Amino acid sequence: MKKRTYSCGLDAAVDIVGGKWKALILWALHHEPRRFGELKRSVSGISEKMLIQMLREMEAHGLVHREVYHQVPPKVEYSLTDFGQSLNTALIPLGVWGEENMRTIEAIPRD
């Protein structure tokens, strides 16, 4: 696997959390572990295929832990690692900024 070089800390952070879904998944896992179906319901608009893909990437990056319980029926829970929790904590001020500026952001013309 190729190692990436970053120009600054923000470049590294955006690479890890980039895209529409990862920050929303992190937020959904903020308080407690969740099963796949719970996550799908918590992250409005995400497809099952995309959620699977994002969870795999996040697990590979060390943000999310996948716990498989060997029982009938099978049970899998996703939770944040310490690394994922630290990223989520860093995103909280960004979420506050978004809440405070939502009207302005919504008013921006989009193509």
C-alpha atoms as a PDB file:
ATOM      1  CA  MET A   1       0.000   0.000   0.000  1.00  0.00           C
ATOM      2  CA  LYS A   2       1.316   3.426  -0.972  1.00  0.00           C
ATOM      3  CA  LYS A   3       2.122   5.867   1.844  1.00  0.00           C
ATOM      4  CA  ARG A   4       0.719   9.383   1.373  1.00  0.00           C
ATOM      5  CA  THR A   5       2.528  12.607   2.211  1.00  0.00           C
ATOM      6  CA  TYR A   6       0.455  15.548   3.437  1.00  0.00           C
ATOM      7  CA  SER A   7       1.140  19.259   3.122  1.00  0.00           C
ATOM      8  CA  CYS A   8      -0.402  20.071   6.527  1.00  0.00           C
ATOM      9  CA  GLY A   9      -2.577  18.663   9.306  1.00  0.00           C
ATOM     10  CA  LEU A  10      -5.790  19.851   7.671  1.00  0.00           C
ATOM     11  CA  ASP A  11      -4.842  18.004   4.465  1.00  0.00           C
ATOM     12  CA  ALA A  12      -4.390  14.794   6.495  1.00  0.00           C
ATOM     13  CA  ALA A  13      -7.645  15.242   8.433  1.00  0.00           C
ATOM     14  CA  VAL A  14      -9.712  15.990   5.313  1.00  0.00           C
ATOM     15  CA  ASP A  15      -8.243  12.913   3.611  1.00  0.00           C
ATOM     16  CA  ILE A  16      -9.386  10.683   6.479  1.00  0.00           C
ATOM     17  CA  VAL A  17     -12.886  12.159   6.883  1.00  0.00           C
ATOM     18  CA  GLY A  18     -13.429  13.280   3.276  1.00  0.00           C
ATOM     19  CA  GLY A  19     -16.698  12.722   1.465  1.00  0.00           C
ATOM     20  CA  LYS A  20     -20.288  13.149   2.458  1.00  0.00           C
ATOM     21  CA  TRP A  21     -20.805  10.105   4.649  1.00  0.00           C
ATOM     22  CA  LYS A  22     -17.864   9.502   6.984  1.00  0.00           C
ATOM     23  CA  ALA A  23     -18.501  12.463   9.297  1.00  0.00           C
ATOM     24  CA  LEU A  24     -22.190  11.496   9.538  1.00  0.00           C
ATOM     25  CA  ILE A  25     -21.265   7.901  10.402  1.00  0.00           C
ATOM     26  CA  LEU A  26     -18.781   9.132  13.013  1.00  0.00           C
ATOM     27  CA  TRP A  27     -21.490  11.302  14.530  1.00  0.00           C
ATOM     28  CA  ALA A  28     -23.984   8.409  14.570  1.00  0.00           C
ATOM     29  CA  LEU A  29     -21.441   6.353  16.546  1.00  0.00           C
ATOM     30  CA  HIS A  30     -20.559   9.196  18.929  1.00  0.00           C
ATOM     31  CA  HIS A  31     -22.415   7.992  22.035  1.00  0.00           C
ATOM     32  CA  GLU A  32     -22.667   4.226  21.711  1.00  0.00           C
ATOM     33  CA  PRO A  33     -21.971   1.213  19.495  1.00  0.00           C
ATOM     34  CA  ARG A  34     -24.583   0.552  16.833  1.00  0.00           C
ATOM     35  CA  ARG A  35     -25.656  -2.328  14.678  1.00  0.00           C
ATOM     36  CA  PHE A  36     -25.684  -1.973  10.892  1.00  0.00           C
ATOM     37  CA  GLY A  37     -29.450  -1.415  10.644  1.00  0.00           C
ATOM     38  CA  GLU A  38     -29.351   1.245  13.364  1.00  0.00           C
ATOM     39  CA  LEU A  39     -26.573   3.048  11.514  1.00  0.00           C
ATOM     40  CA  LYS A  40     -28.471   2.892   8.231  1.00  0.00           C
ATOM     41  CA  ARG A  41     -31.508   4.479   9.890  1.00  0.00           C
ATOM     42  CA  SER A  42     -29.341   7.111  11.617  1.00  0.00           C
ATOM     43  CA  VAL A  43     -27.554   8.242   8.460  1.00  0.00           C
ATOM     44  CA  SER A  44     -30.394   9.533   6.335  1.00  0.00           C
ATOM     45  CA  GLY A  45     -30.059   8.915   2.593  1.00  0.00           C
ATOM     46  CA  ILE A  46     -27.125   6.504   2.636  1.00  0.00           C
ATOM     47  CA  SER A  47     -27.525   3.308   0.618  1.00  0.00           C
ATOM     48  CA  GLU A  48     -26.684  -0.075   2.094  1.00  0.00           C
ATOM     49  CA  LYS A  49     -23.847  -0.496  -0.431  1.00  0.00           C
ATOM     50  CA  MET A  50     -22.328   2.901   0.454  1.00  0.00           C
ATOM     51  CA  LEU A  51     -22.618   2.287   4.210  1.00  0.00           C
ATOM     52  CA  ILE A  52     -20.815  -1.050   3.833  1.00  0.00           C
ATOM     53  CA  GLN A  53     -18.078   0.605   1.762  1.00  0.00           C
ATOM     54  CA  MET A  54     -17.636   3.505   4.201  1.00  0.00           C
ATOM     55  CA  LEU A  55     -17.545   1.219   7.260  1.00  0.00           C
ATOM     56  CA  ARG A  56     -14.885  -0.953   5.592  1.00  0.00           C
ATOM     57  CA  GLU A  57     -12.761   2.102   4.786  1.00  0.00           C
ATOM     58  CA  MET A  58     -13.204   3.507   8.273  1.00  0.00           C
ATOM     59  CA  GLU A  59     -12.267   0.158   9.819  1.00  0.00           C
ATOM     60  CA  ALA A  60      -9.164  -0.029   7.591  1.00  0.00           C
ATOM     61  CA  HIS A  61      -8.188   3.507   8.676  1.00  0.00           C
ATOM     62  CA  GLY A  62      -8.568   2.575  12.344  1.00  0.00           C
ATOM     63  CA  LEU A  63     -11.558   4.858  13.003  1.00  0.00           C
ATOM     64  CA  VAL A  64     -14.172   2.154  13.584  1.00  0.00           C
ATOM     65  CA  HIS A  65     -14.085  -1.193  15.348  1.00  0.00           C
ATOM     66  CA  ARG A  66     -16.286  -4.027  14.065  1.00  0.00           C
ATOM     67  CA  GLU A  67     -17.304  -6.534  16.749  1.00  0.00           C
ATOM     68  CA  VAL A  68     -18.806  -9.824  15.586  1.00  0.00           C
ATOM     69  CA  TYR A  69     -20.845 -11.753  18.148  1.00  0.00           C
ATOM     70  CA  HIS A  70     -21.049 -15.433  17.333  1.00  0.00           C
ATOM     71  CA  GLN A  71     -24.676 -16.115  18.163  1.00  0.00           C
ATOM     72  CA  VAL A  72     -27.916 -16.935  16.402  1.00  0.00           C
ATOM     73  CA  PRO A  73     -28.982 -14.733  14.757  1.00  0.00           C
ATOM     74  CA  PRO A  74     -25.545 -13.229  14.031  1.00  0.00           C
ATOM     75  CA  LYS A  75     -24.875  -9.825  15.569  1.00  0.00           C
ATOM     76  CA  VAL A  76     -22.323  -7.210  14.477  1.00  0.00           C
ATOM     77  CA  GLU A  77     -21.754  -3.905  16.247  1.00  0.00           C
ATOM     78  CA  TYR A  78     -19.719  -0.914  15.135  1.00  0.00           C
ATOM     79  CA  SER A  79     -18.052   1.457  17.576  1.00  0.00           C
ATOM     80  CA  LEU A  80     -15.471   4.218  17.479  1.00  0.00           C
ATOM     81  CA  THR A  81     -11.861   3.469  18.280  1.00  0.00           C
ATOM     82  CA  ASP A  82      -9.917   5.993  20.360  1.00  0.00           C
ATOM     83  CA  PHE A  83      -8.602   7.368  17.052  1.00  0.00           C
ATOM     84  CA  GLY A  84     -12.164   7.702  15.710  1.00  0.00           C
ATOM     85  CA  GLN A  85     -13.348   9.308  18.943  1.00  0.00           C
ATOM     86  CA  SER A  86     -10.537  11.867  18.754  1.00  0.00           C
ATOM     87  CA  LEU A  87     -11.550  12.740  15.174  1.00  0.00           C
ATOM     88  CA  ASN A  88     -15.187  13.058  16.228  1.00  0.00           C
ATOM     89  CA  THR A  89     -14.167  15.399  19.038  1.00  0.00           C
ATOM     90  CA  ALA A  90     -12.254  17.522  16.522  1.00  0.00           C
ATOM     91  CA  LEU A  91     -15.364  17.699  14.292  1.00  0.00           C
ATOM     92  CA  ILE A  92     -17.676  19.007  17.053  1.00  0.00           C
ATOM     93  CA  PRO A  93     -16.633  22.674  16.589  1.00  0.00           C
ATOM     94  CA  LEU A  94     -17.195  22.320  12.840  1.00  0.00           C
ATOM     95  CA  GLY A  95     -20.724  21.043  13.519  1.00  0.00           C
ATOM     96  CA  VAL A  96     -21.377  23.987  15.842  1.00  0.00           C
ATOM     97  CA  TRP A  97     -20.142  26.376  13.140  1.00  0.00           C
ATOM     98  CA  GLY A  98     -22.451  24.678  10.627  1.00  0.00           C
ATOM     99  CA  GLU A  99     -25.443  25.043  12.960  1.00  0.00           C
ATOM    100  CA  GLU A 100     -24.654  28.717  13.594  1.00  0.00           C
ATOM    101  CA  ASN A 101     -24.291  29.444   9.880  1.00  0.00           C
ATOM    102  CA  MET A 102     -26.869  27.079   8.398  1.00  0.00           C
ATOM    103  CA  ARG A 103     -29.122  29.815   6.964  1.00  0.00           C
ATOM    104  CA  THR A 104     -26.198  31.459   5.191  1.00  0.00           C
ATOM    105  CA  ILE A 105     -24.963  28.109   3.897  1.00  0.00           C
ATOM    106  CA  GLU A 106     -28.433  27.104   2.687  1.00  0.00           C
ATOM    107  CA  ALA A 107     -28.770  30.423   0.837  1.00  0.00           C
ATOM    108  CA  ILE A 108     -25.632  29.827  -1.254  1.00  0.00           C
ATOM    109  CA  PRO A 109     -26.669  29.207  -4.902  1.00  0.00           C
ATOM    110  CA  ARG A 110     -25.735  25.734  -6.129  1.00  0.00           C
ATOM    111  CA  ASP A 111     -25.549  24.421  -9.673  1.00  0.00           C
END
